[in-house]
Amino acid sequence: MSRLGIHAAKIETIREQRGLTPAGFRTDGTDPEAATKEAMLQELYHRANARLPSGLFD
């Protein structure tokens, strides 16, 4: 039995309908959350840089 258990067939059918791979990834190479991820990454860098000592890169 797969890790999806008794719901495996239903989940795999839904993934096929949505154009996803068996692992749940998009097959067209797009990422609808790319902008959100990029904004989160920029905020992470901003917060990390704010904690660095002043004059470190002068």
Protein backbone atom coordinates (compact mmCIF):
# COMPACT_ATOMS: atom_id res chain seq x y z
CA MET A 1 0.00 0.00 0.00
CA SER A 2 1.27 3.48 -0.82
CA ARG A 3 1.76 6.20 1.72
CA LEU A 4 -1.56 7.70 0.62
CA GLY A 5 -3.41 4.67 1.93
CA ILE A 6 -6.99 4.00 0.95
CA HIS A 7 -7.29 7.46 -0.65
CA ALA A 8 -4.44 6.95 -3.13
CA ALA A 9 -6.59 6.41 -6.22
CA LYS A 10 -8.74 9.47 -5.48
CA ILE A 11 -5.72 11.69 -4.83
CA GLU A 12 -3.90 10.50 -7.94
CA THR A 13 -7.00 11.19 -10.07
CA ILE A 14 -7.25 14.72 -8.69
CA ARG A 15 -3.56 15.31 -9.38
CA GLU A 16 -3.99 14.13 -12.98
CA GLN A 17 -6.99 16.44 -13.46
CA ARG A 18 -4.99 19.39 -12.21
CA GLY A 19 -1.99 18.61 -14.42
CA LEU A 20 0.29 17.57 -11.59
CA THR A 21 2.92 14.87 -11.45
CA PRO A 22 2.34 11.84 -9.20
CA ALA A 23 4.39 13.68 -6.55
CA GLY A 24 2.08 16.72 -6.77
CA PHE A 25 4.31 19.10 -8.74
CA ARG A 26 3.12 21.18 -11.69
CA THR A 27 4.11 19.82 -15.08
CA ASP A 28 4.13 23.18 -16.88
CA GLY A 29 7.00 24.57 -14.81
CA THR A 30 5.02 27.49 -13.38
CA ASP A 31 4.79 28.44 -9.74
CA PRO A 32 1.70 30.47 -8.80
CA GLU A 33 3.26 31.39 -5.45
CA ALA A 34 6.59 32.56 -6.87
CA ALA A 35 5.95 36.24 -6.08
CA THR A 36 4.96 35.42 -2.49
CA LYS A 37 8.06 33.26 -2.00
CA GLU A 38 10.29 35.98 -3.45
CA ALA A 39 8.78 38.61 -1.12
CA MET A 40 9.28 36.32 1.88
CA LEU A 41 12.89 35.70 0.90
CA GLN A 42 13.57 39.43 0.52
CA GLU A 43 12.05 40.07 3.96
CA LEU A 44 14.27 37.32 5.41
CA TYR A 45 17.37 38.95 3.91
CA HIS A 46 16.26 42.38 5.14
CA ARG A 47 15.83 41.11 8.70
CA ALA A 48 19.15 39.26 8.62
CA ASN A 49 20.98 42.32 7.31
CA ALA A 50 19.42 44.48 10.02
CA ARG A 51 21.06 42.27 12.66
CA LEU A 52 24.58 42.61 11.25
CA PRO A 53 26.98 44.93 13.04
CA SER A 54 27.38 48.34 11.41
CA GLY A 55 30.54 48.88 9.38
CA LEU A 56 30.95 45.20 8.62
CA PHE A 57 31.12 45.69 4.85
CA ASP A 58 32.59 49.20 4.63
